[in-house]
Amino acid sequence: MESTQSTPSGLWLPLITPFRNGELDERSLRRLVAHYAAEPIDGFILGATTGEGMALDEAECERLVAITREALAAAGRSIPVYFGLSGSDTRKTVKALERTAAWGLDGYLIACPYYTRPSQRGLFAHFSALADATARPILIYNIPYRTGVNLGNETMLQLAERANIVGVKDCSADATQSFDLLRHKPRDFAVLTGEDPLFYTALTQGAEGGITASAHVETAAFAEIRNRLLAGDQPGALAAWQRLADLPRLLFAEPSPGPIKHWLWRQGLIDSPEMRLPMVPVSDELEQRIERAMAAPGGRN
């Protein structure tokens, strides 16, 4: 399936992967996709960090994509579906692109090589080789506090010249780097923030959107902030963000996606908050905080 090289924008959801009794929970997955198909999201990311992709085997990954596609078709919703890839060996990542070519994907979110900490020249060569290996769009995932390497703006802008490197999920954790990238990037290269607490700030500085795990809970509220900014209603967007700003802090108080899974389980969208080791469920203290938030006026329960 060939995809057009459109610029990603808007609110993208890095979908959690539901498990039950050690297996992929297909029933909960179908329920989740049907639920979010009715929400104002602009794309799905499957099998990435929030989706516990590193704990999935290849058969589960393929099934994850297939079920998502089936559920979207049943809901009558056509939105792009990207898949998360990561790895420290360029050859293995190229092979992963080849193996997934028939899965019905619209594109990929590919993290910088972790642990090996290549140079900027190495990062450029790595992503260039991946762009050569697929016709589908690639979003670069720059998250140095996980991978140990930061893809600098000069290298990023060189990679942006590639037709199918269409943007970046920006988790650089460097406000100056992020702002300068937004200042100098080409118009057809998307910057989507991956830092949920910075969603509003990134949008006001020119980001095209966000890949926002917290939007599992307040999907419409996140979309409203961007829509208000696009309509020129900055005071309304700020007021909406002030109402929402505590949510990402709560959902990232312990390693993600544990808090999100707990909330979705209590909401009835998934049948279990189960995670795969070394990830563990939320603590008793955080469970109580989530329960209080869900019971508060305006809480989703």
Protein backbone atom coordinates (compact mmCIF):
# COMPACT_ATOMS: atom_id res chain seq x y z
CA MET A 1 0.00 0.00 0.00
CA GLU A 2 1.63 3.20 -1.16
CA SER A 3 0.99 6.37 0.80
CA THR A 4 1.14 9.99 -0.22
CA GLN A 5 3.86 12.05 1.40
CA SER A 6 1.47 14.37 3.21
CA THR A 7 2.66 16.41 6.17
CA PRO A 8 1.33 14.99 9.46
CA SER A 9 -0.51 17.48 11.63
CA GLY A 10 -3.01 17.70 14.43
CA LEU A 11 -3.57 15.38 17.37
CA TRP A 12 -2.00 11.93 17.02
CA LEU A 13 -2.60 9.20 19.57
CA PRO A 14 0.23 6.78 20.49
CA LEU A 15 -2.21 3.98 21.25
CA ILE A 16 -1.62 1.75 24.27
CA THR A 17 -1.47 -2.00 23.66
CA PRO A 18 -3.93 -3.86 25.91
CA PHE A 19 -2.86 -7.18 27.45
CA ARG A 20 -4.74 -9.80 29.40
CA ASN A 21 -3.28 -12.95 30.94
CA GLY A 22 -0.03 -12.36 29.11
CA GLU A 23 -1.63 -12.12 25.66
CA LEU A 24 -2.64 -9.33 23.31
CA ASP A 25 -6.20 -8.45 24.34
CA GLU A 26 -7.88 -8.27 20.94
CA ARG A 27 -11.35 -7.54 22.31
CA SER A 28 -10.14 -4.53 24.27
CA LEU A 29 -8.10 -3.35 21.29
CA ARG A 30 -11.16 -3.34 19.05
CA ARG A 31 -13.09 -1.44 21.73
CA LEU A 32 -10.32 1.13 22.06
CA VAL A 33 -10.02 1.75 18.32
CA ALA A 34 -13.81 2.09 17.95
CA HIS A 35 -13.83 4.58 20.83
CA TYR A 36 -11.06 6.77 19.46
CA ALA A 37 -12.39 6.56 15.92
CA ALA A 38 -15.28 8.66 17.24
CA GLU A 39 -12.90 11.18 18.82
CA PRO A 40 -11.12 14.11 17.09
CA ILE A 41 -7.76 12.47 16.49
CA ASP A 42 -5.79 12.79 13.26
CA GLY A 43 -3.66 9.64 13.36
CA PHE A 44 -2.60 6.57 15.33
CA ILE A 45 0.91 5.51 16.32
CA LEU A 46 1.04 1.78 17.10
CA GLY A 47 3.71 -0.22 18.89
CA ALA A 48 5.83 2.71 19.99
CA THR A 49 6.81 3.69 23.55
CA THR A 50 3.28 4.12 24.88
CA GLY A 51 2.28 0.95 23.03
CA GLU A 52 5.03 -1.06 24.76
CA GLY A 53 6.44 -1.97 21.37
CA MET A 54 9.67 -3.38 22.73
CA ALA A 55 7.64 -5.99 24.65
CA LEU A 56 5.77 -7.19 21.54
CA ASP A 57 6.85 -10.02 19.29
CA GLU A 58 6.54 -9.76 15.51
CA ALA A 59 3.31 -11.76 15.27
CA GLU A 60 1.69 -9.54 17.90
CA CYS A 61 2.82 -6.42 16.05
CA GLU A 62 1.29 -7.63 12.81
CA ARG A 63 -1.94 -8.57 14.58
CA LEU A 64 -2.01 -5.18 16.31
CA VAL A 65 -1.93 -3.42 12.95
CA ALA A 66 -4.49 -5.74 11.35
CA ILE A 67 -7.02 -5.36 14.16
CA THR A 68 -6.62 -1.58 14.20
CA ARG A 69 -7.25 -1.45 10.46
CA GLU A 70 -10.30 -3.70 10.75
CA ALA A 71 -11.76 -1.67 13.61
CA LEU A 72 -11.21 1.63 11.79
CA ALA A 73 -12.91 0.24 8.68
CA ALA A 74 -15.84 -0.99 10.79
CA ALA A 75 -16.14 2.50 12.28
CA GLY A 76 -16.03 4.12 8.86
CA ARG A 77 -13.01 6.22 9.82
CA SER A 78 -9.98 6.71 7.57
CA ILE A 79 -6.98 8.08 9.44
CA PRO A 80 -3.27 7.35 8.99
CA VAL A 81 -1.76 4.49 10.97
CA TYR A 82 1.98 4.68 11.67
CA PHE A 83 4.06 2.01 13.35
CA GLY A 84 6.90 2.55 15.82
CA LEU A 85 10.33 1.10 15.06
CA SER A 86 13.59 1.35 16.95
CA GLY A 87 16.98 -0.28 16.91
CA SER A 88 20.71 0.28 17.03
CA ASP A 89 21.60 -1.66 13.86
CA THR A 90 20.69 0.05 10.59
CA ARG A 91 20.62 -3.27 8.71
CA LYS A 92 18.14 -4.80 11.15
CA THR A 93 15.92 -1.73 10.96
CA VAL A 94 15.95 -1.89 7.15
CA LYS A 95 14.90 -5.54 7.41
CA ALA A 96 12.08 -4.52 9.76
CA LEU A 97 10.86 -2.08 7.12
CA GLU A 98 10.92 -4.90 4.58
CA ARG A 99 9.05 -7.31 6.88
CA THR A 100 6.31 -4.80 7.64
CA ALA A 101 5.87 -3.58 4.07
CA ALA A 102 2.72 -5.66 3.54
CA TRP A 103 1.04 -4.77 6.83
CA GLY A 104 -1.10 -1.94 5.49
CA LEU A 105 0.75 0.86 7.24
CA ASP A 106 0.70 4.50 6.22
CA GLY A 107 4.10 5.32 7.68
CA TYR A 108 6.62 4.84 10.47
CA LEU A 109 7.79 6.57 13.63
CA ILE A 110 11.47 5.64 13.91
CA ALA A 111 13.55 6.44 16.98
CA CYS A 112 17.18 7.44 16.86
CA PRO A 113 19.52 4.47 17.47
CA TYR A 114 19.72 3.85 21.19
CA TYR A 115 22.72 3.03 23.37
CA THR A 116 25.36 3.18 20.60
CA ARG A 117 25.29 7.00 20.50
CA PRO A 118 26.35 7.53 16.86
CA SER A 119 27.74 10.83 15.59
CA GLN A 120 25.66 13.29 13.62
CA ARG A 121 27.15 11.85 10.43
CA GLY A 122 26.12 8.40 11.60
CA LEU A 123 22.59 9.56 12.36
CA PHE A 124 22.31 11.17 8.94
CA ALA A 125 23.53 8.00 7.23
CA HIS A 126 21.18 5.85 9.33
CA PHE A 127 18.01 7.75 8.50
CA SER A 128 19.07 8.22 4.88
CA ALA A 129 19.39 4.44 4.53
CA LEU A 130 15.95 3.96 6.08
CA ALA A 131 14.41 6.55 3.77
CA ASP A 132 15.93 4.67 0.82
CA ALA A 133 14.42 1.40 2.09
CA THR A 134 10.76 2.47 2.06
CA ALA A 135 8.46 4.65 0.01
CA ARG A 136 6.31 5.35 3.05
CA PRO A 137 6.58 8.50 5.17
CA ILE A 138 8.98 8.48 8.12
CA LEU A 139 8.61 10.52 11.28
CA ILE A 140 11.89 10.73 13.20
CA TYR A 141 11.56 10.22 16.95
CA ASN A 142 14.17 12.37 18.68
CA ILE A 143 14.17 11.51 22.39
CA PRO A 144 17.75 11.74 23.70
CA TYR A 145 16.84 11.02 27.34
CA ARG A 146 15.80 7.52 26.22
CA THR A 147 18.24 6.82 23.40
CA GLY A 148 21.36 8.58 24.69
CA VAL A 149 21.84 10.56 21.47
CA ASN A 150 20.41 13.89 20.29
CA LEU A 151 19.75 14.49 16.61
CA GLY A 152 20.80 18.12 16.18
CA ASN A 153 18.93 20.68 14.12
CA GLU A 154 21.55 20.92 11.39
CA THR A 155 21.30 17.19 10.76
CA MET A 156 17.51 17.26 11.13
CA LEU A 157 17.20 19.96 8.47
CA GLN A 158 19.41 17.98 6.10
CA LEU A 159 17.18 14.94 6.59
CA ALA A 160 14.10 17.12 6.05
CA GLU A 161 15.22 17.47 2.43
CA ARG A 162 14.36 13.80 1.89
CA ALA A 163 10.90 13.48 0.32
CA ASN A 164 9.67 10.76 2.66
CA ILE A 165 11.16 12.08 5.91
CA VAL A 166 8.09 14.14 6.71
CA GLY A 167 8.62 15.28 10.28
CA VAL A 168 9.78 14.65 13.81
CA LYS A 169 8.26 13.69 17.12
CA ASP A 170 10.18 16.22 19.17
CA CYS A 171 11.19 15.15 22.67
CA SER A 172 14.58 16.85 22.63
CA ALA A 173 13.95 18.31 26.12
CA ASP A 174 15.77 21.44 24.94
CA ALA A 175 13.45 24.43 24.55
CA THR A 176 15.98 26.39 22.51
CA GLN A 177 16.60 23.50 20.12
CA SER A 178 12.86 22.98 19.63
CA PHE A 179 12.19 26.67 19.00
CA ASP A 180 15.07 27.02 16.56
CA LEU A 181 13.88 23.95 14.64
CA LEU A 182 10.43 25.52 14.32
CA ARG A 183 12.03 28.75 13.10
CA HIS A 184 14.12 27.16 10.38
CA LYS A 185 12.29 24.04 9.21
CA PRO A 186 10.69 23.86 5.76
CA ARG A 187 6.92 24.26 5.62
CA ASP A 188 6.33 20.66 4.55
CA PHE A 189 8.29 19.20 7.48
CA ALA A 190 6.12 18.63 10.56
CA VAL A 191 7.20 19.16 14.14
CA LEU A 192 4.88 17.22 16.45
CA THR A 193 5.64 17.62 20.12
CA GLY A 194 5.89 14.42 22.12
CA GLU A 195 6.10 16.23 25.45
CA ASP A 196 2.55 16.30 26.78
CA PRO A 197 3.18 19.09 29.35
CA LEU A 198 4.48 21.29 26.50
CA PHE A 199 1.57 20.71 24.13
CA TYR A 200 0.16 24.23 24.37
CA THR A 201 3.56 25.91 24.29
CA ALA A 202 4.70 23.96 21.23
CA LEU A 203 1.53 24.87 19.35
CA THR A 204 1.89 28.56 20.15
CA GLN A 205 5.44 28.44 18.77
CA GLY A 206 4.35 26.88 15.48
CA ALA A 207 4.31 23.10 15.94
CA GLU A 208 1.93 21.30 13.61
CA GLY A 209 0.51 19.22 16.44
CA GLY A 210 1.41 16.58 18.98
CA ILE A 211 1.78 12.86 19.53
CA THR A 212 0.12 12.99 22.90
CA ALA A 213 -0.36 10.01 25.21
CA SER A 214 -2.45 12.04 27.68
CA ALA A 215 -5.06 12.46 24.93
CA HIS A 216 -6.18 8.91 25.71
CA VAL A 217 -8.15 10.56 28.52
CA GLU A 218 -9.17 14.07 27.42
CA THR A 219 -9.08 13.66 23.66
CA ALA A 220 -11.55 16.39 22.76
CA ALA A 221 -9.97 18.85 25.19
CA PHE A 222 -6.55 18.47 23.56
CA ALA A 223 -8.09 18.90 20.12
CA GLU A 224 -9.96 22.00 21.31
CA ILE A 225 -6.73 23.75 22.25
CA ARG A 226 -5.30 23.37 18.77
CA ASN A 227 -8.60 24.29 17.11
CA ARG A 228 -8.88 27.47 19.16
CA LEU A 229 -5.34 28.50 18.24
CA LEU A 230 -6.01 27.85 14.55
CA ALA A 231 -9.12 30.03 14.84
CA GLY A 232 -7.09 32.85 16.41
CA ASP A 233 -8.61 32.42 19.87
CA GLN A 234 -5.42 32.41 21.93
CA PRO A 235 -7.13 33.44 25.21
CA GLY A 236 -9.63 30.61 24.80
CA ALA A 237 -6.85 28.15 24.04
CA LEU A 238 -4.91 29.26 27.11
CA ALA A 239 -7.98 28.93 29.32
CA ALA A 240 -8.59 25.42 27.95
CA TRP A 241 -4.97 24.47 28.60
CA GLN A 242 -5.08 25.83 32.15
CA ARG A 243 -7.99 23.46 32.83
CA LEU A 244 -6.08 20.53 31.33
CA ALA A 245 -2.48 21.12 32.39
CA ASP A 246 -2.54 18.96 35.53
CA LEU A 247 -3.59 15.84 33.60
CA PRO A 248 -0.21 15.08 31.93
CA ARG A 249 1.51 15.48 35.30
CA LEU A 250 -0.80 12.87 36.79
CA LEU A 251 -0.53 10.45 33.87
CA PHE A 252 3.27 10.67 33.89
CA ALA A 253 3.71 10.58 37.67
CA GLU A 254 4.95 7.00 37.19
CA PRO A 255 6.36 5.37 34.05
CA SER A 256 3.97 5.46 31.11
CA PRO A 257 1.72 3.81 30.08
CA GLY A 258 0.90 2.43 33.55
CA PRO A 259 -1.21 5.38 34.72
CA ILE A 260 -2.99 5.65 31.35
CA LYS A 261 -3.80 1.94 31.35
CA HIS A 262 -5.16 2.17 34.88
CA TRP A 263 -7.42 5.08 33.92
CA LEU A 264 -8.68 3.30 30.79
CA TRP A 265 -9.32 0.13 32.77
CA ARG A 266 -11.33 2.00 35.40
CA GLN A 267 -13.18 3.75 32.59
CA GLY A 268 -14.12 0.36 31.11
CA LEU A 269 -12.30 0.79 27.82
CA ILE A 270 -9.88 -2.08 28.46
CA ASP A 271 -10.42 -5.26 30.45
CA SER A 272 -7.13 -5.14 32.36
CA PRO A 273 -4.42 -2.59 33.24
CA GLU A 274 -1.83 -5.36 32.72
CA MET A 275 1.67 -4.45 31.56
CA ARG A 276 4.69 -6.54 30.64
CA LEU A 277 7.82 -6.64 32.75
CA PRO A 278 9.91 -4.71 33.41
CA MET A 279 6.96 -2.31 33.34
CA VAL A 280 4.64 -2.68 36.32
CA PRO A 281 1.17 -1.39 37.30
CA VAL A 282 0.76 1.85 39.19
CA SER A 283 1.44 2.11 42.91
CA ASP A 284 -1.36 2.18 45.47
CA GLU A 285 -0.70 5.88 46.06
CA LEU A 286 -1.03 6.81 42.38
CA GLU A 287 -4.06 4.55 42.00
CA GLN A 288 -5.79 6.60 44.69
CA ARG A 289 -4.81 9.86 42.98
CA ILE A 290 -6.25 8.64 39.68
CA GLU A 291 -9.44 7.51 41.39
CA ARG A 292 -9.84 10.97 42.95
CA ALA A 293 -9.26 12.66 39.59
CA MET A 294 -11.85 10.46 37.90
CA ALA A 295 -14.39 11.19 40.62
CA ALA A 296 -13.81 14.96 40.57
CA PRO A 297 -16.31 17.23 38.79
CA GLY A 298 -15.50 17.06 35.10
CA GLY A 299 -13.51 13.83 35.52
CA ARG A 300 -14.10 11.13 32.93
CA ASN A 301 -15.44 7.97 34.53
